[in-house]
Amino acid sequence: AYYRANKADRLAAFGGCIALNRECDVETARLIAENYAEVVVA
């Protein structure tokens, strides 16, 4: 879900707020860490 949300607009996602509706797992965290984000909510 995160991969596809980021793919939708990778440029605009830079410095964005990422919200997840499930427990953030290690695989998702590693994908998030590949980019710059301001906020992660879960």
ModelCIF file with pLDDT and N, C-alpha, C, O atoms, coordinates in Angstrom:
data_MODEL
#
_entry.id   MODEL 
#
_entity.id                         1 
_entity.type                       polymer 
_entity.pdbx_number_of_molecules   1 
#
_entity_poly.entity_id                      1 
_entity_poly.type                           'polypeptide(L)' 
_entity_poly.nstd_linkage                   no 
_entity_poly.nstd_monomer                   no 
_entity_poly.pdbx_seq_one_letter_code       AYYRANKADRLAAFGGCIALNRECDVETARLIAENYAEVVVA 
_entity_poly.pdbx_seq_one_letter_code_can   AYYRANKADRLAAFGGCIALNRECDVETARLIAENYAEVVVA 
_entity_poly.pdbx_strand_id                 A 
#
loop_
_entity_poly_seq.entity_id 
_entity_poly_seq.num 
_entity_poly_seq.mon_id 
_entity_poly_seq.hetero 
1 1  ALA n 
1 2  TYR n 
1 3  TYR n 
1 4  ARG n 
1 5  ALA n 
1 6  ASN n 
1 7  LYS n 
1 8  ALA n 
1 9  ASP n 
1 10 ARG n 
1 11 LEU n 
1 12 ALA n 
1 13 ALA n 
1 14 PHE n 
1 15 GLY n 
1 16 GLY n 
1 17 CYS n 
1 18 ILE n 
1 19 ALA n 
1 20 LEU n 
1 21 ASN n 
1 22 ARG n 
1 23 GLU n 
1 24 CYS n 
1 25 ASP n 
1 26 VAL n 
1 27 GLU n 
1 28 THR n 
1 29 ALA n 
1 30 ARG n 
1 31 LEU n 
1 32 ILE n 
1 33 ALA n 
1 34 GLU n 
1 35 ASN n 
1 36 TYR n 
1 37 ALA n 
1 38 GLU n 
1 39 VAL n 
1 40 VAL n 
1 41 VAL n 
1 42 ALA n 
#
_struct_asym.id          A 
_struct_asym.entity_id   1 
#
loop_
_ma_qa_metric.id 
_ma_qa_metric.mode 
_ma_qa_metric.name 
_ma_qa_metric.software_group_id 
_ma_qa_metric.type 
1 global pLDDT . pLDDT 
2 local  pLDDT . pLDDT 
#
_ma_qa_metric_global.metric_id      1 
_ma_qa_metric_global.metric_value   96.55 
_ma_qa_metric_global.model_id       1 
_ma_qa_metric_global.ordinal_id     1 
#
loop_
_ma_qa_metric_local.label_asym_id 
_ma_qa_metric_local.label_comp_id 
_ma_qa_metric_local.label_seq_id 
_ma_qa_metric_local.metric_id 
_ma_qa_metric_local.metric_value 
_ma_qa_metric_local.model_id 
_ma_qa_metric_local.ordinal_id 
A ALA 1  2 98.00 1 1  
A TYR 2  2 98.00 1 2  
A TYR 3  2 98.00 1 3  
A ARG 4  2 98.00 1 4  
A ALA 5  2 98.00 1 5  
A ASN 6  2 97.00 1 6  
A LYS 7  2 96.00 1 7  
A ALA 8  2 96.00 1 8  
A ASP 9  2 96.00 1 9  
A ARG 10 2 94.00 1 10 
A LEU 11 2 92.00 1 11 
A ALA 12 2 94.00 1 12 
A ALA 13 2 95.00 1 13 
A PHE 14 2 94.00 1 14 
A GLY 15 2 94.00 1 15 
A GLY 16 2 96.00 1 16 
A CYS 17 2 97.00 1 17 
A ILE 18 2 98.00 1 18 
A ALA 19 2 98.00 1 19 
A LEU 20 2 98.00 1 20 
A ASN 21 2 97.00 1 21 
A ARG 22 2 97.00 1 22 
A GLU 23 2 97.00 1 23 
A CYS 24 2 98.00 1 24 
A ASP 25 2 98.00 1 25 
A VAL 26 2 98.00 1 26 
A GLU 27 2 98.00 1 27 
A THR 28 2 98.00 1 28 
A ALA 29 2 98.00 1 29 
A ARG 30 2 98.00 1 30 
A LEU 31 2 98.00 1 31 
A ILE 32 2 97.00 1 32 
A ALA 33 2 96.00 1 33 
A GLU 34 2 95.00 1 34 
A ASN 35 2 93.00 1 35 
A TYR 36 2 94.00 1 36 
A ALA 37 2 95.00 1 37 
A GLU 38 2 94.00 1 38 
A VAL 39 2 97.00 1 39 
A VAL 40 2 98.00 1 40 
A VAL 41 2 98.00 1 41 
A ALA 42 2 98.00 1 42 
#
loop_
_atom_site.group_PDB 
_atom_site.id 
_atom_site.type_symbol 
_atom_site.label_atom_id 
_atom_site.label_alt_id 
_atom_site.label_comp_id 
_atom_site.label_asym_id 
_atom_site.label_entity_id 
_atom_site.label_seq_id 
_atom_site.pdbx_PDB_ins_code 
_atom_site.Cartn_x 
_atom_site.Cartn_y 
_atom_site.Cartn_z 
_atom_site.occupancy 
_atom_site.B_iso_or_equiv 
_atom_site.pdbx_formal_charge 
_atom_site.auth_seq_id 
_atom_site.auth_comp_id 
_atom_site.auth_asym_id 
_atom_site.auth_atom_id 
_atom_site.pdbx_PDB_model_num 
ATOM 1   N N  . ALA A 1 1  ? 0.838  -1.207 0.000  1.00 98.00 ? 1  ALA A N  1 
ATOM 2   C CA . ALA A 1 1  ? 0.000  0.000  0.000  1.00 98.00 ? 1  ALA A CA 1 
ATOM 3   C C  . ALA A 1 1  ? 0.871  1.254  0.000  1.00 98.00 ? 1  ALA A C  1 
ATOM 4   O O  . ALA A 1 1  ? 0.614  2.197  -0.748 1.00 98.00 ? 1  ALA A O  1 
ATOM 5   N N  . TYR A 1 2  ? 1.908  1.258  0.849  1.00 98.00 ? 2  TYR A N  1 
ATOM 6   C CA . TYR A 1 2  ? 2.792  2.433  0.872  1.00 98.00 ? 2  TYR A CA 1 
ATOM 7   C C  . TYR A 1 2  ? 3.545  2.573  -0.449 1.00 98.00 ? 2  TYR A C  1 
ATOM 8   O O  . TYR A 1 2  ? 3.657  3.674  -0.988 1.00 98.00 ? 2  TYR A O  1 
ATOM 9   N N  . TYR A 1 3  ? 4.057  1.470  -0.967 1.00 98.00 ? 3  TYR A N  1 
ATOM 10  C CA . TYR A 1 3  ? 4.799  1.503  -2.234 1.00 98.00 ? 3  TYR A CA 1 
ATOM 11  C C  . TYR A 1 3  ? 3.950  2.135  -3.332 1.00 98.00 ? 3  TYR A C  1 
ATOM 12  O O  . TYR A 1 3  ? 4.438  2.976  -4.087 1.00 98.00 ? 3  TYR A O  1 
ATOM 13  N N  . ARG A 1 4  ? 2.686  1.736  -3.426 1.00 98.00 ? 4  ARG A N  1 
ATOM 14  C CA . ARG A 1 4  ? 1.817  2.221  -4.490 1.00 98.00 ? 4  ARG A CA 1 
ATOM 15  C C  . ARG A 1 4  ? 1.382  3.666  -4.245 1.00 98.00 ? 4  ARG A C  1 
ATOM 16  O O  . ARG A 1 4  ? 1.212  4.430  -5.196 1.00 98.00 ? 4  ARG A O  1 
ATOM 17  N N  . ALA A 1 5  ? 1.202  4.044  -2.984 1.00 98.00 ? 5  ALA A N  1 
ATOM 18  C CA . ALA A 1 5  ? 0.878  5.442  -2.676 1.00 98.00 ? 5  ALA A CA 1 
ATOM 19  C C  . ALA A 1 5  ? 2.043  6.348  -3.031 1.00 98.00 ? 5  ALA A C  1 
ATOM 20  O O  . ALA A 1 5  ? 1.838  7.443  -3.555 1.00 98.00 ? 5  ALA A O  1 
ATOM 21  N N  . ASN A 1 6  ? 3.255  5.911  -2.755 1.00 97.00 ? 6  ASN A N  1 
ATOM 22  C CA . ASN A 1 6  ? 4.440  6.690  -3.083 1.00 97.00 ? 6  ASN A CA 1 
ATOM 23  C C  . ASN A 1 6  ? 4.648  6.754  -4.594 1.00 97.00 ? 6  ASN A C  1 
ATOM 24  O O  . ASN A 1 6  ? 5.050  7.786  -5.129 1.00 97.00 ? 6  ASN A O  1 
ATOM 25  N N  . LYS A 1 7  ? 4.373  5.650  -5.272 1.00 96.00 ? 7  LYS A N  1 
ATOM 26  C CA . LYS A 1 7  ? 4.510  5.609  -6.729 1.00 96.00 ? 7  LYS A CA 1 
ATOM 27  C C  . LYS A 1 7  ? 3.566  6.586  -7.407 1.00 96.00 ? 7  LYS A C  1 
ATOM 28  O O  . LYS A 1 7  ? 3.885  7.114  -8.472 1.00 96.00 ? 7  LYS A O  1 
ATOM 29  N N  . ALA A 1 8  ? 2.406  6.836  -6.806 1.00 96.00 ? 8  ALA A N  1 
ATOM 30  C CA . ALA A 1 8  ? 1.409  7.724  -7.415 1.00 96.00 ? 8  ALA A CA 1 
ATOM 31  C C  . ALA A 1 8  ? 1.950  9.127  -7.642 1.00 96.00 ? 8  ALA A C  1 
ATOM 32  O O  . ALA A 1 8  ? 1.583  9.782  -8.617 1.00 96.00 ? 8  ALA A O  1 
ATOM 33  N N  . ASP A 1 9  ? 2.821  9.595  -6.752 1.00 96.00 ? 9  ASP A N  1 
ATOM 34  C CA . ASP A 1 9  ? 3.409  10.930 -6.907 1.00 96.00 ? 9  ASP A CA 1 
ATOM 35  C C  . ASP A 1 9  ? 4.659  11.003 -6.044 1.00 96.00 ? 9  ASP A C  1 
ATOM 36  O O  . ASP A 1 9  ? 4.667  11.612 -4.974 1.00 96.00 ? 9  ASP A O  1 
ATOM 37  N N  . ARG A 1 10 ? 5.714  10.368 -6.536 1.00 94.00 ? 10 ARG A N  1 
ATOM 38  C CA . ARG A 1 10 ? 6.954  10.271 -5.766 1.00 94.00 ? 10 ARG A CA 1 
ATOM 39  C C  . ARG A 1 10 ? 7.543  11.633 -5.452 1.00 94.00 ? 10 ARG A C  1 
ATOM 40  O O  . ARG A 1 10 ? 8.114  11.831 -4.380 1.00 94.00 ? 10 ARG A O  1 
ATOM 41  N N  . LEU A 1 11 ? 7.409  12.584 -6.388 1.00 92.00 ? 11 LEU A N  1 
ATOM 42  C CA . LEU A 1 11 ? 7.982  13.914 -6.183 1.00 92.00 ? 11 LEU A CA 1 
ATOM 43  C C  . LEU A 1 11 ? 7.259  14.670 -5.076 1.00 92.00 ? 11 LEU A C  1 
ATOM 44  O O  . LEU A 1 11 ? 7.897  15.222 -4.180 1.00 92.00 ? 11 LEU A O  1 
ATOM 45  N N  . ALA A 1 12 ? 5.935  14.696 -5.135 1.00 94.00 ? 12 ALA A N  1 
ATOM 46  C CA . ALA A 1 12 ? 5.174  15.436 -4.130 1.00 94.00 ? 12 ALA A CA 1 
ATOM 47  C C  . ALA A 1 12 ? 5.293  14.797 -2.757 1.00 94.00 ? 12 ALA A C  1 
ATOM 48  O O  . ALA A 1 12 ? 5.169  15.480 -1.741 1.00 94.00 ? 12 ALA A O  1 
ATOM 49  N N  . ALA A 1 13 ? 5.536  13.478 -2.717 1.00 95.00 ? 13 ALA A N  1 
ATOM 50  C CA . ALA A 1 13 ? 5.642  12.790 -1.430 1.00 95.00 ? 13 ALA A CA 1 
ATOM 51  C C  . ALA A 1 13 ? 6.870  13.218 -0.652 1.00 95.00 ? 13 ALA A C  1 
ATOM 52  O O  . ALA A 1 13 ? 6.937  12.987 0.556  1.00 95.00 ? 13 ALA A O  1 
ATOM 53  N N  . PHE A 1 14 ? 7.838  13.832 -1.302 1.00 94.00 ? 14 PHE A N  1 
ATOM 54  C CA . PHE A 1 14 ? 9.054  14.302 -0.624 1.00 94.00 ? 14 PHE A CA 1 
ATOM 55  C C  . PHE A 1 14 ? 8.686  15.317 0.459  1.00 94.00 ? 14 PHE A C  1 
ATOM 56  O O  . PHE A 1 14 ? 8.089  16.355 0.171  1.00 94.00 ? 14 PHE A O  1 
ATOM 57  N N  . GLY A 1 15 ? 9.047  15.010 1.700  1.00 94.00 ? 15 GLY A N  1 
ATOM 58  C CA . GLY A 1 15 ? 8.742  15.919 2.803  1.00 94.00 ? 15 GLY A CA 1 
ATOM 59  C C  . GLY A 1 15 ? 7.306  15.860 3.263  1.00 94.00 ? 15 GLY A C  1 
ATOM 60  O O  . GLY A 1 15 ? 6.839  16.775 3.943  1.00 94.00 ? 15 GLY A O  1 
ATOM 61  N N  . GLY A 1 16 ? 6.584  14.795 2.906  1.00 96.00 ? 16 GLY A N  1 
ATOM 62  C CA . GLY A 1 16 ? 5.178  14.711 3.262  1.00 96.00 ? 16 GLY A CA 1 
ATOM 63  C C  . GLY A 1 16 ? 4.923  14.038 4.591  1.00 96.00 ? 16 GLY A C  1 
ATOM 64  O O  . GLY A 1 16 ? 5.843  13.649 5.310  1.00 96.00 ? 16 GLY A O  1 
ATOM 65  N N  . CYS A 1 17 ? 3.640  13.913 4.894  1.00 97.00 ? 17 CYS A N  1 
ATOM 66  C CA . CYS A 1 17 ? 3.174  13.216 6.089  1.00 97.00 ? 17 CYS A CA 1 
ATOM 67  C C  . CYS A 1 17 ? 2.598  11.876 5.647  1.00 97.00 ? 17 CYS A C  1 
ATOM 68  O O  . CYS A 1 17 ? 1.680  11.826 4.827  1.00 97.00 ? 17 CYS A O  1 
ATOM 69  N N  . ILE A 1 18 ? 3.137  10.798 6.190  1.00 98.00 ? 18 ILE A N  1 
ATOM 70  C CA . ILE A 1 18 ? 2.712  9.445  5.834  1.00 98.00 ? 18 ILE A CA 1 
ATOM 71  C C  . ILE A 1 18 ? 1.866  8.884  6.969  1.00 98.00 ? 18 ILE A C  1 
ATOM 72  O O  . ILE A 1 18 ? 2.314  8.843  8.115  1.00 98.00 ? 18 ILE A O  1 
ATOM 73  N N  . ALA A 1 19 ? 0.660  8.458  6.662  1.00 98.00 ? 19 ALA A N  1 
ATOM 74  C CA . ALA A 1 19 ? -0.222 7.870  7.670  1.00 98.00 ? 19 ALA A CA 1 
ATOM 75  C C  . ALA A 1 19 ? -0.570 6.449  7.258  1.00 98.00 ? 19 ALA A C  1 
ATOM 76  O O  . ALA A 1 19 ? -0.922 6.194  6.107  1.00 98.00 ? 19 ALA A O  1 
ATOM 77  N N  . LEU A 1 20 ? -0.469 5.535  8.201  1.00 98.00 ? 20 LEU A N  1 
ATOM 78  C CA . LEU A 1 20 ? -0.709 4.118  7.967  1.00 98.00 ? 20 LEU A CA 1 
ATOM 79  C C  . LEU A 1 20 ? -1.805 3.641  8.900  1.00 98.00 ? 20 LEU A C  1 
ATOM 80  O O  . LEU A 1 20 ? -1.826 4.025  10.070 1.00 98.00 ? 20 LEU A O  1 
ATOM 81  N N  . ASN A 1 21 ? -2.710 2.817  8.412  1.00 97.00 ? 21 ASN A N  1 
ATOM 82  C CA . ASN A 1 21 ? -3.824 2.380  9.256  1.00 97.00 ? 21 ASN A CA 1 
ATOM 83  C C  . ASN A 1 21 ? -3.591 1.016  9.905  1.00 97.00 ? 21 ASN A C  1 
ATOM 84  O O  . ASN A 1 21 ? -4.505 0.448  10.503 1.00 97.00 ? 21 ASN A O  1 
ATOM 85  N N  . ARG A 1 22 ? -2.382 0.497  9.789  1.00 97.00 ? 22 ARG A N  1 
ATOM 86  C CA . ARG A 1 22 ? -1.999 -0.736 10.464 1.00 97.00 ? 22 ARG A CA 1 
ATOM 87  C C  . ARG A 1 22 ? -0.662 -0.511 11.170 1.00 97.00 ? 22 ARG A C  1 
ATOM 88  O O  . ARG A 1 22 ? 0.015  0.487  10.920 1.00 97.00 ? 22 ARG A O  1 
ATOM 89  N N  . GLU A 1 23 ? -0.284 -1.433 12.045 1.00 97.00 ? 23 GLU A N  1 
ATOM 90  C CA . GLU A 1 23 ? 1.024  -1.359 12.683 1.00 97.00 ? 23 GLU A CA 1 
ATOM 91  C C  . GLU A 1 23 ? 2.108  -1.264 11.614 1.00 97.00 ? 23 GLU A C  1 
ATOM 92  O O  . GLU A 1 23 ? 2.126  -2.053 10.669 1.00 97.00 ? 23 GLU A O  1 
ATOM 93  N N  . CYS A 1 24 ? 3.004  -0.301 11.766 1.00 98.00 ? 24 CYS A N  1 
ATOM 94  C CA . CYS A 1 24 ? 4.093  -0.133 10.807 1.00 98.00 ? 24 CYS A CA 1 
ATOM 95  C C  . CYS A 1 24 ? 5.099  -1.266 11.006 1.00 98.00 ? 24 CYS A C  1 
ATOM 96  O O  . CYS A 1 24 ? 5.705  -1.384 12.071 1.00 98.00 ? 24 CYS A O  1 
ATOM 97  N N  . ASP A 1 25 ? 5.272  -2.088 9.988  1.00 98.00 ? 25 ASP A N  1 
ATOM 98  C CA . ASP A 1 25 ? 6.203  -3.209 10.080 1.00 98.00 ? 25 ASP A CA 1 
ATOM 99  C C  . ASP A 1 25 ? 7.558  -2.811 9.508  1.00 98.00 ? 25 ASP A C  1 
ATOM 100 O O  . ASP A 1 25 ? 7.714  -1.730 8.942  1.00 98.00 ? 25 ASP A O  1 
ATOM 101 N N  . VAL A 1 26 ? 8.533  -3.699 9.666  1.00 98.00 ? 26 VAL A N  1 
ATOM 102 C CA . VAL A 1 26 ? 9.899  -3.393 9.265  1.00 98.00 ? 26 VAL A CA 1 
ATOM 103 C C  . VAL A 1 26 ? 9.995  -3.178 7.756  1.00 98.00 ? 26 VAL A C  1 
ATOM 104 O O  . VAL A 1 26 ? 10.698 -2.275 7.304  1.00 98.00 ? 26 VAL A O  1 
ATOM 105 N N  . GLU A 1 27 ? 9.301  -3.993 6.981  1.00 98.00 ? 27 GLU A N  1 
ATOM 106 C CA . GLU A 1 27 ? 9.361  -3.857 5.524  1.00 98.00 ? 27 GLU A CA 1 
ATOM 107 C C  . GLU A 1 27 ? 8.860  -2.486 5.076  1.00 98.00 ? 27 GLU A C  1 
ATOM 108 O O  . GLU A 1 27 ? 9.471  -1.846 4.220  1.00 98.00 ? 27 GLU A O  1 
ATOM 109 N N  . THR A 1 28 ? 7.746  -2.038 5.655  1.00 98.00 ? 28 THR A N  1 
ATOM 110 C CA . THR A 1 28 ? 7.214  -0.715 5.307  1.00 98.00 ? 28 THR A CA 1 
ATOM 111 C C  . THR A 1 28 ? 8.156  0.378  5.773  1.00 98.00 ? 28 THR A C  1 
ATOM 112 O O  . THR A 1 28 ? 8.379  1.350  5.052  1.00 98.00 ? 28 THR A O  1 
ATOM 113 N N  . ALA A 1 29 ? 8.715  0.234  6.974  1.00 98.00 ? 29 ALA A N  1 
ATOM 114 C CA . ALA A 1 29 ? 9.642  1.240  7.504  1.00 98.00 ? 29 ALA A CA 1 
ATOM 115 C C  . ALA A 1 29 ? 10.863 1.397  6.612  1.00 98.00 ? 29 ALA A C  1 
ATOM 116 O O  . ALA A 1 29 ? 11.344 2.512  6.408  1.00 98.00 ? 29 ALA A O  1 
ATOM 117 N N  . ARG A 1 30 ? 11.363 0.301  6.084  1.00 98.00 ? 30 ARG A N  1 
ATOM 118 C CA . ARG A 1 30 ? 12.535 0.384  5.203  1.00 98.00 ? 30 ARG A CA 1 
ATOM 119 C C  . ARG A 1 30 ? 12.214 1.135  3.919  1.00 98.00 ? 30 ARG A C  1 
ATOM 120 O O  . ARG A 1 30 ? 13.042 1.897  3.419  1.00 98.00 ? 30 ARG A O  1 
ATOM 121 N N  . LEU A 1 31 ? 11.014 0.922  3.384  1.00 98.00 ? 31 LEU A N  1 
ATOM 122 C CA . LEU A 1 31 ? 10.609 1.668  2.193  1.00 98.00 ? 31 LEU A CA 1 
ATOM 123 C C  . LEU A 1 31 ? 10.474 3.156  2.505  1.00 98.00 ? 31 LEU A C  1 
ATOM 124 O O  . LEU A 1 31 ? 10.902 4.001  1.719  1.00 98.00 ? 31 LEU A O  1 
ATOM 125 N N  . ILE A 1 32 ? 9.884  3.470  3.642  1.00 97.00 ? 32 ILE A N  1 
ATOM 126 C CA . ILE A 1 32 ? 9.722  4.875  4.040  1.00 97.00 ? 32 ILE A CA 1 
ATOM 127 C C  . ILE A 1 32 ? 11.083 5.542  4.205  1.00 97.00 ? 32 ILE A C  1 
ATOM 128 O O  . ILE A 1 32 ? 11.267 6.696  3.818  1.00 97.00 ? 32 ILE A O  1 
ATOM 129 N N  . ALA A 1 33 ? 12.042 4.806  4.784  1.00 96.00 ? 33 ALA A N  1 
ATOM 130 C CA . ALA A 1 33 ? 13.362 5.373  5.069  1.00 96.00 ? 33 ALA A CA 1 
ATOM 131 C C  . ALA A 1 33 ? 14.163 5.663  3.806  1.00 96.00 ? 33 ALA A C  1 
ATOM 132 O O  . ALA A 1 33 ? 15.167 6.374  3.863  1.00 96.00 ? 33 ALA A O  1 
ATOM 133 N N  . GLU A 1 34 ? 13.734 5.123  2.662  1.00 95.00 ? 34 GLU A N  1 
ATOM 134 C CA . GLU A 1 34 ? 14.428 5.410  1.408  1.00 95.00 ? 34 GLU A CA 1 
ATOM 135 C C  . GLU A 1 34 ? 14.187 6.832  0.934  1.00 95.00 ? 34 GLU A C  1 
ATOM 136 O O  . GLU A 1 34 ? 14.921 7.336  0.085  1.00 95.00 ? 34 GLU A O  1 
ATOM 137 N N  . ASN A 1 35 ? 13.159 7.486  1.478  1.00 93.00 ? 35 ASN A N  1 
ATOM 138 C CA . ASN A 1 35 ? 12.790 8.831  1.053  1.00 93.00 ? 35 ASN A CA 1 
ATOM 139 C C  . ASN A 1 35 ? 12.837 9.782  2.249  1.00 93.00 ? 35 ASN A C  1 
ATOM 140 O O  . ASN A 1 35 ? 13.067 9.366  3.385  1.00 93.00 ? 35 ASN A O  1 
ATOM 141 N N  . TYR A 1 36 ? 12.617 11.056 1.968  1.00 94.00 ? 36 TYR A N  1 
ATOM 142 C CA . TYR A 1 36 ? 12.551 12.048 3.038  1.00 94.00 ? 36 TYR A CA 1 
ATOM 143 C C  . TYR A 1 36 ? 11.091 12.319 3.374  1.00 94.00 ? 36 TYR A C  1 
ATOM 144 O O  . TYR A 1 36 ? 10.300 12.675 2.501  1.00 94.00 ? 36 TYR A O  1 
ATOM 145 N N  . ALA A 1 37 ? 10.742 12.150 4.635  1.00 95.00 ? 37 ALA A N  1 
ATOM 146 C CA . ALA A 1 37 ? 9.390  12.453 5.101  1.00 95.00 ? 37 ALA A CA 1 
ATOM 147 C C  . ALA A 1 37 ? 9.483  13.308 6.360  1.00 95.00 ? 37 ALA A C  1 
ATOM 148 O O  . ALA A 1 37 ? 10.466 13.239 7.098  1.00 95.00 ? 37 ALA A O  1 
ATOM 149 N N  . GLU A 1 38 ? 8.470  14.098 6.593  1.00 94.00 ? 38 GLU A N  1 
ATOM 150 C CA . GLU A 1 38 ? 8.408  14.921 7.800  1.00 94.00 ? 38 GLU A CA 1 
ATOM 151 C C  . GLU A 1 38 ? 7.774  14.158 8.958  1.00 94.00 ? 38 GLU A C  1 
ATOM 152 O O  . GLU A 1 38 ? 8.226  14.260 10.099 1.00 94.00 ? 38 GLU A O  1 
ATOM 153 N N  . VAL A 1 39 ? 6.720  13.393 8.658  1.00 97.00 ? 39 VAL A N  1 
ATOM 154 C CA . VAL A 1 39 ? 5.913  12.770 9.709  1.00 97.00 ? 39 VAL A CA 1 
ATOM 155 C C  . VAL A 1 39 ? 5.517  11.361 9.278  1.00 97.00 ? 39 VAL A C  1 
ATOM 156 O O  . VAL A 1 39 ? 5.198  11.118 8.114  1.00 97.00 ? 39 VAL A O  1 
ATOM 157 N N  . VAL A 1 40 ? 5.543  10.440 10.236 1.00 98.00 ? 40 VAL A N  1 
ATOM 158 C CA . VAL A 1 40 ? 4.945  9.113  10.043 1.00 98.00 ? 40 VAL A CA 1 
ATOM 159 C C  . VAL A 1 40 ? 3.977  8.879  11.195 1.00 98.00 ? 40 VAL A C  1 
ATOM 160 O O  . VAL A 1 40 ? 4.343  9.010  12.363 1.00 98.00 ? 40 VAL A O  1 
ATOM 161 N N  . VAL A 1 41 ? 2.747  8.533  10.855 1.00 98.00 ? 41 VAL A N  1 
ATOM 162 C CA . VAL A 1 41 ? 1.694  8.301  11.831 1.00 98.00 ? 41 VAL A CA 1 
ATOM 163 C C  . VAL A 1 41 ? 1.186  6.880  11.680 1.00 98.00 ? 41 VAL A C  1 
ATOM 164 O O  . VAL A 1 41 ? 0.933  6.427  10.563 1.00 98.00 ? 41 VAL A O  1 
ATOM 165 N N  . ALA A 1 42 ? 1.033  6.173  12.787 1.00 98.00 ? 42 ALA A N  1 
ATOM 166 C CA . ALA A 1 42 ? 0.498  4.813  12.758 1.00 98.00 ? 42 ALA A CA 1 
ATOM 167 C C  . ALA A 1 42 ? -0.067 4.480  14.131 1.00 98.00 ? 42 ALA A C  1 
ATOM 168 O O  . ALA A 1 42 ? -0.574 3.378  14.340 1.00 98.00 ? 42 ALA A O  1 
#
